[in-house]
Amino acid sequence: MKGQICHVEIPADDLGSLQKFYGGLFDWDFEKMPGDIEYYGINQGDEKVMAGMIARQDPGHTPMFYVCVESLDAALAKARDQGATVIVPKTAVKGMGWYAVALDPQKNLFGFWESDEKAA
């Protein structure tokens, strides 16, 4: 199966004002996600949240995409074999799944997502 982009993440310097911008422009709604970080799911009218907005972590934090995989461990191994550099290792999002972030050989950020309700 070909990898499919399953999530897009938008960083914001001011969450409230950027939510107002995108809400007004595209009629999106925002829902605070559980956890300690400032992260909001973006409701685009679909049944499943496919995008999120997060407080910008550093000046170089740019929008990025995540590809859904069946096995994060296997995907990370394959990415390394193809020349990627893993910069955020396999990390749990409690009750939702696992993610990791890598740089492709030309230094573009991308992420992996493995759904797993048992992630802790």
N, C-alpha and C. Protein backbone atom coordinates (compact mmCIF):
# COMPACT_ATOMS: atom_id res chain seq x y z
N MET A 1 0.84 -1.18 0.00
CA MET A 1 0.00 0.00 0.00
C MET A 1 0.88 1.24 0.00
N LYS A 2 0.53 2.22 -0.79
CA LYS A 2 1.27 3.47 -0.81
C LYS A 2 0.98 4.26 0.45
N GLY A 3 2.01 4.96 0.95
CA GLY A 3 1.82 5.82 2.11
C GLY A 3 0.89 6.97 1.79
N GLN A 4 0.02 7.28 2.73
CA GLN A 4 -0.93 8.37 2.54
C GLN A 4 -0.75 9.41 3.64
N ILE A 5 -0.78 10.67 3.24
CA ILE A 5 -0.73 11.74 4.22
C ILE A 5 -2.04 11.70 5.00
N CYS A 6 -1.92 11.62 6.32
CA CYS A 6 -3.12 11.50 7.13
C CYS A 6 -3.29 12.64 8.12
N HIS A 7 -2.31 13.52 8.20
CA HIS A 7 -2.42 14.62 9.17
C HIS A 7 -1.50 15.75 8.74
N VAL A 8 -1.98 16.97 8.90
CA VAL A 8 -1.19 18.17 8.64
C VAL A 8 -1.21 19.00 9.92
N GLU A 9 -0.06 19.57 10.26
CA GLU A 9 0.06 20.34 11.50
C GLU A 9 0.50 21.76 11.17
N ILE A 10 -0.25 22.74 11.71
CA ILE A 10 0.03 24.16 11.47
C ILE A 10 0.53 24.79 12.77
N PRO A 11 1.77 25.31 12.80
CA PRO A 11 2.24 26.00 14.00
C PRO A 11 1.74 27.45 14.03
N ALA A 12 1.55 27.97 15.26
CA ALA A 12 1.04 29.33 15.41
C ALA A 12 1.80 30.07 16.50
N ASP A 13 2.13 31.33 16.23
CA ASP A 13 2.71 32.19 17.26
C ASP A 13 1.64 32.64 18.24
N ASP A 14 0.42 32.89 17.74
CA ASP A 14 -0.72 33.30 18.56
C ASP A 14 -1.89 32.42 18.14
N LEU A 15 -2.14 31.38 18.93
CA LEU A 15 -3.17 30.40 18.57
C LEU A 15 -4.53 31.05 18.34
N GLY A 16 -4.95 31.93 19.23
CA GLY A 16 -6.27 32.55 19.10
C GLY A 16 -6.45 33.31 17.81
N SER A 17 -5.47 34.12 17.45
CA SER A 17 -5.64 34.93 16.24
C SER A 17 -5.54 34.07 14.97
N LEU A 18 -4.69 33.04 14.97
CA LEU A 18 -4.60 32.19 13.78
C LEU A 18 -5.84 31.32 13.65
N GLN A 19 -6.41 30.88 14.78
CA GLN A 19 -7.67 30.14 14.72
C GLN A 19 -8.78 31.03 14.17
N LYS A 20 -8.80 32.28 14.59
CA LYS A 20 -9.80 33.22 14.08
C LYS A 20 -9.64 33.40 12.57
N PHE A 21 -8.39 33.52 12.11
CA PHE A 21 -8.12 33.67 10.67
C PHE A 21 -8.66 32.47 9.89
N TYR A 22 -8.21 31.25 10.26
CA TYR A 22 -8.62 30.06 9.50
C TYR A 22 -10.11 29.74 9.70
N GLY A 23 -10.63 30.02 10.91
CA GLY A 23 -12.06 29.81 11.14
C GLY A 23 -12.90 30.70 10.25
N GLY A 24 -12.48 31.98 10.12
CA GLY A 24 -13.19 32.91 9.26
C GLY A 24 -13.03 32.60 7.78
N LEU A 25 -11.83 32.16 7.41
CA LEU A 25 -11.55 31.89 6.00
C LEU A 25 -12.20 30.61 5.50
N PHE A 26 -12.10 29.52 6.28
CA PHE A 26 -12.57 28.20 5.83
C PHE A 26 -13.71 27.62 6.66
N ASP A 27 -14.20 28.38 7.66
CA ASP A 27 -15.27 27.91 8.54
C ASP A 27 -14.82 26.68 9.34
N TRP A 28 -13.56 26.66 9.76
CA TRP A 28 -13.04 25.58 10.59
C TRP A 28 -13.36 25.85 12.04
N ASP A 29 -13.55 24.77 12.81
CA ASP A 29 -13.71 24.84 14.25
C ASP A 29 -12.49 24.19 14.89
N PHE A 30 -12.15 24.60 16.10
CA PHE A 30 -10.96 24.11 16.80
C PHE A 30 -11.36 23.51 18.13
N GLU A 31 -10.77 22.36 18.45
CA GLU A 31 -11.05 21.66 19.70
C GLU A 31 -9.74 21.36 20.42
N LYS A 32 -9.63 21.84 21.67
CA LYS A 32 -8.43 21.57 22.47
C LYS A 32 -8.32 20.06 22.64
N MET A 33 -7.15 19.53 22.34
CA MET A 33 -6.90 18.10 22.48
C MET A 33 -6.36 17.83 23.89
N PRO A 34 -6.60 16.62 24.41
CA PRO A 34 -6.10 16.30 25.74
C PRO A 34 -4.57 16.36 25.79
N GLY A 35 -4.06 16.61 26.96
CA GLY A 35 -2.61 16.64 27.14
C GLY A 35 -2.12 17.98 27.64
N ASP A 36 -0.83 18.03 27.88
CA ASP A 36 -0.22 19.21 28.48
C ASP A 36 0.20 20.27 27.47
N ILE A 37 0.26 19.93 26.19
CA ILE A 37 0.70 20.91 25.20
C ILE A 37 -0.50 21.64 24.61
N GLU A 38 -0.26 22.83 24.11
CA GLU A 38 -1.31 23.62 23.45
C GLU A 38 -1.49 23.06 22.04
N TYR A 39 -2.43 22.15 21.89
CA TYR A 39 -2.68 21.49 20.61
C TYR A 39 -4.18 21.43 20.37
N TYR A 40 -4.60 21.84 19.19
CA TYR A 40 -6.01 21.88 18.84
C TYR A 40 -6.26 21.08 17.57
N GLY A 41 -7.26 20.19 17.63
CA GLY A 41 -7.71 19.53 16.43
C GLY A 41 -8.51 20.50 15.60
N ILE A 42 -8.41 20.38 14.29
CA ILE A 42 -9.14 21.25 13.38
C ILE A 42 -10.28 20.45 12.77
N ASN A 43 -11.51 20.89 13.04
CA ASN A 43 -12.69 20.25 12.49
C ASN A 43 -13.01 20.93 11.16
N GLN A 44 -12.89 20.15 10.09
CA GLN A 44 -13.15 20.69 8.76
C GLN A 44 -14.47 20.18 8.21
N GLY A 45 -15.30 19.63 9.10
CA GLY A 45 -16.57 19.08 8.65
C GLY A 45 -16.49 17.58 8.41
N ASP A 46 -15.32 17.00 8.47
CA ASP A 46 -15.16 15.56 8.31
C ASP A 46 -15.44 14.88 9.64
N GLU A 47 -15.65 13.58 9.60
CA GLU A 47 -15.87 12.83 10.83
C GLU A 47 -14.58 12.71 11.65
N LYS A 48 -13.45 12.70 10.97
CA LYS A 48 -12.16 12.46 11.63
C LYS A 48 -11.29 13.71 11.52
N VAL A 49 -10.65 14.09 12.62
CA VAL A 49 -9.73 15.22 12.59
C VAL A 49 -8.53 14.83 11.73
N MET A 50 -8.23 15.65 10.74
CA MET A 50 -7.12 15.36 9.83
C MET A 50 -6.05 16.45 9.89
N ALA A 51 -6.23 17.40 10.78
CA ALA A 51 -5.27 18.49 10.88
C ALA A 51 -5.27 19.01 12.31
N GLY A 52 -4.19 19.67 12.66
CA GLY A 52 -4.07 20.23 13.99
C GLY A 52 -3.31 21.54 13.97
N MET A 53 -3.47 22.30 15.05
CA MET A 53 -2.74 23.54 15.22
C MET A 53 -2.04 23.47 16.58
N ILE A 54 -0.78 23.84 16.58
CA ILE A 54 0.05 23.75 17.78
C ILE A 54 0.77 25.07 18.00
N ALA A 55 1.04 25.39 19.25
CA ALA A 55 1.86 26.56 19.54
C ALA A 55 3.24 26.34 18.93
N ARG A 56 3.75 27.34 18.22
CA ARG A 56 5.06 27.22 17.57
C ARG A 56 6.12 26.91 18.63
N GLN A 57 6.91 25.88 18.38
CA GLN A 57 7.90 25.39 19.33
C GLN A 57 9.23 26.16 19.26
N ASP A 58 9.56 26.66 18.07
CA ASP A 58 10.78 27.43 17.87
C ASP A 58 10.64 28.19 16.56
N PRO A 59 11.52 29.18 16.29
CA PRO A 59 11.37 29.99 15.07
C PRO A 59 11.39 29.18 13.77
N GLY A 60 12.03 28.02 13.78
CA GLY A 60 12.09 27.20 12.57
C GLY A 60 10.95 26.22 12.42
N HIS A 61 10.00 26.24 13.35
CA HIS A 61 8.86 25.31 13.32
C HIS A 61 7.93 25.69 12.17
N THR A 62 7.84 24.85 11.18
CA THR A 62 7.03 25.12 9.99
C THR A 62 5.93 24.06 9.87
N PRO A 63 4.92 24.32 9.03
CA PRO A 63 3.89 23.29 8.81
C PRO A 63 4.54 21.99 8.32
N MET A 64 3.94 20.89 8.72
CA MET A 64 4.46 19.60 8.26
C MET A 64 3.34 18.59 8.11
N PHE A 65 3.66 17.51 7.42
CA PHE A 65 2.67 16.46 7.19
C PHE A 65 3.12 15.16 7.86
N TYR A 66 2.15 14.33 8.16
CA TYR A 66 2.40 13.01 8.74
C TYR A 66 1.81 11.96 7.80
N VAL A 67 2.53 10.87 7.63
CA VAL A 67 2.07 9.75 6.83
C VAL A 67 1.68 8.61 7.77
N CYS A 68 0.49 8.07 7.59
CA CYS A 68 0.05 6.94 8.42
C CYS A 68 0.77 5.67 7.99
N VAL A 69 1.23 4.92 8.97
CA VAL A 69 1.93 3.65 8.71
C VAL A 69 1.35 2.58 9.62
N GLU A 70 1.48 1.33 9.19
CA GLU A 70 1.01 0.22 10.02
C GLU A 70 1.99 -0.08 11.14
N SER A 71 3.29 0.04 10.84
CA SER A 71 4.32 -0.21 11.84
C SER A 71 5.31 0.95 11.84
N LEU A 72 5.31 1.72 12.90
CA LEU A 72 6.23 2.85 13.00
C LEU A 72 7.67 2.37 13.02
N ASP A 73 7.93 1.28 13.74
CA ASP A 73 9.30 0.76 13.81
C ASP A 73 9.82 0.38 12.42
N ALA A 74 9.00 -0.31 11.64
CA ALA A 74 9.40 -0.70 10.29
C ALA A 74 9.59 0.52 9.39
N ALA A 75 8.69 1.50 9.52
CA ALA A 75 8.79 2.71 8.69
C ALA A 75 10.05 3.49 9.02
N LEU A 76 10.40 3.59 10.30
CA LEU A 76 11.62 4.30 10.68
C LEU A 76 12.86 3.60 10.16
N ALA A 77 12.87 2.29 10.23
CA ALA A 77 14.02 1.53 9.71
C ALA A 77 14.16 1.75 8.21
N LYS A 78 13.06 1.71 7.49
CA LYS A 78 13.09 1.92 6.04
C LYS A 78 13.53 3.34 5.71
N ALA A 79 13.03 4.32 6.47
CA ALA A 79 13.41 5.71 6.23
C ALA A 79 14.92 5.89 6.41
N ARG A 80 15.46 5.31 7.49
CA ARG A 80 16.92 5.39 7.71
C ARG A 80 17.67 4.76 6.56
N ASP A 81 17.20 3.61 6.09
CA ASP A 81 17.86 2.93 4.96
C ASP A 81 17.85 3.78 3.69
N GLN A 82 16.83 4.63 3.55
CA GLN A 82 16.70 5.48 2.37
C GLN A 82 17.42 6.82 2.54
N GLY A 83 18.05 7.04 3.70
CA GLY A 83 18.83 8.26 3.90
C GLY A 83 18.21 9.30 4.79
N ALA A 84 17.08 9.00 5.43
CA ALA A 84 16.45 9.96 6.34
C ALA A 84 17.18 9.98 7.68
N THR A 85 17.04 11.08 8.38
CA THR A 85 17.58 11.23 9.73
C THR A 85 16.41 11.41 10.68
N VAL A 86 16.29 10.52 11.65
CA VAL A 86 15.21 10.61 12.63
C VAL A 86 15.60 11.65 13.67
N ILE A 87 14.74 12.66 13.85
CA ILE A 87 15.07 13.72 14.82
C ILE A 87 14.16 13.69 16.05
N VAL A 88 12.98 13.08 15.93
CA VAL A 88 12.12 12.82 17.10
C VAL A 88 11.82 11.33 17.05
N PRO A 89 12.33 10.56 18.00
CA PRO A 89 12.11 9.11 17.97
C PRO A 89 10.65 8.76 18.25
N LYS A 90 10.33 7.49 18.14
CA LYS A 90 8.99 7.00 18.42
C LYS A 90 8.52 7.53 19.77
N THR A 91 7.40 8.24 19.75
CA THR A 91 6.87 8.91 20.93
C THR A 91 5.37 8.63 21.04
N ALA A 92 4.91 8.33 22.26
CA ALA A 92 3.49 8.02 22.47
C ALA A 92 2.65 9.28 22.59
N VAL A 93 1.46 9.23 22.04
CA VAL A 93 0.40 10.19 22.33
C VAL A 93 -0.66 9.34 23.03
N LYS A 94 -0.72 9.47 24.33
CA LYS A 94 -1.50 8.58 25.18
C LYS A 94 -2.92 8.36 24.66
N GLY A 95 -3.25 7.09 24.49
CA GLY A 95 -4.58 6.70 24.07
C GLY A 95 -4.90 6.92 22.61
N MET A 96 -3.91 7.39 21.84
CA MET A 96 -4.17 7.69 20.43
C MET A 96 -3.22 6.96 19.48
N GLY A 97 -1.91 6.99 19.79
CA GLY A 97 -0.96 6.35 18.88
C GLY A 97 0.46 6.79 19.12
N TRP A 98 1.28 6.60 18.11
CA TRP A 98 2.71 6.88 18.17
C TRP A 98 3.10 7.76 16.98
N TYR A 99 4.07 8.65 17.21
CA TYR A 99 4.57 9.44 16.10
C TYR A 99 6.09 9.52 16.17
N ALA A 100 6.67 9.90 15.06
CA ALA A 100 8.10 10.18 14.97
C ALA A 100 8.27 11.22 13.88
N VAL A 101 9.38 11.96 13.93
CA VAL A 101 9.65 13.01 12.94
C VAL A 101 11.04 12.76 12.37
N ALA A 102 11.17 12.99 11.07
CA ALA A 102 12.44 12.77 10.39
C ALA A 102 12.73 13.90 9.41
N LEU A 103 13.97 13.95 8.97
CA LEU A 103 14.39 14.82 7.88
C LEU A 103 14.69 13.96 6.68
N ASP A 104 14.15 14.34 5.52
CA ASP A 104 14.50 13.60 4.31
C ASP A 104 15.93 13.98 3.91
N PRO A 105 16.50 13.34 2.89
CA PRO A 105 17.90 13.63 2.53
C PRO A 105 18.17 15.08 2.12
N GLN A 106 17.10 15.86 1.81
CA GLN A 106 17.29 17.27 1.47
C GLN A 106 16.83 18.19 2.59
N LYS A 107 16.73 17.63 3.80
CA LYS A 107 16.46 18.38 5.04
C LYS A 107 15.04 18.91 5.18
N ASN A 108 14.05 18.25 4.55
CA ASN A 108 12.65 18.58 4.73
C ASN A 108 12.07 17.73 5.85
N LEU A 109 11.34 18.37 6.77
CA LEU A 109 10.69 17.65 7.85
C LEU A 109 9.47 16.89 7.36
N PHE A 110 9.27 15.70 7.92
CA PHE A 110 8.03 14.95 7.72
C PHE A 110 7.85 14.03 8.92
N GLY A 111 6.63 13.55 9.11
CA GLY A 111 6.37 12.72 10.26
C GLY A 111 5.68 11.42 9.87
N PHE A 112 5.70 10.50 10.84
CA PHE A 112 5.00 9.23 10.73
C PHE A 112 3.96 9.16 11.84
N TRP A 113 2.86 8.49 11.58
CA TRP A 113 1.83 8.27 12.59
C TRP A 113 1.36 6.82 12.53
N GLU A 114 1.34 6.17 13.71
CA GLU A 114 0.77 4.83 13.84
C GLU A 114 -0.34 4.91 14.88
N SER A 115 -1.58 4.64 14.47
CA SER A 115 -2.69 4.65 15.40
C SER A 115 -2.58 3.47 16.35
N ASP A 116 -2.84 3.71 17.63
CA ASP A 116 -2.79 2.65 18.64
C ASP A 116 -3.42 3.20 19.91
N GLU A 117 -4.67 2.81 20.19
CA GLU A 117 -5.36 3.29 21.37
C GLU A 117 -4.70 2.86 22.66
N LYS A 118 -3.78 1.87 22.59
CA LYS A 118 -3.09 1.39 23.78
C LYS A 118 -1.78 2.14 24.05
N ALA A 119 -1.46 3.10 23.21
CA ALA A 119 -0.22 3.87 23.41
C ALA A 119 -0.26 4.58 24.76
N ALA A 120 0.88 4.53 25.43
CA ALA A 120 0.94 5.19 26.77
C ALA A 120 2.24 5.92 26.94
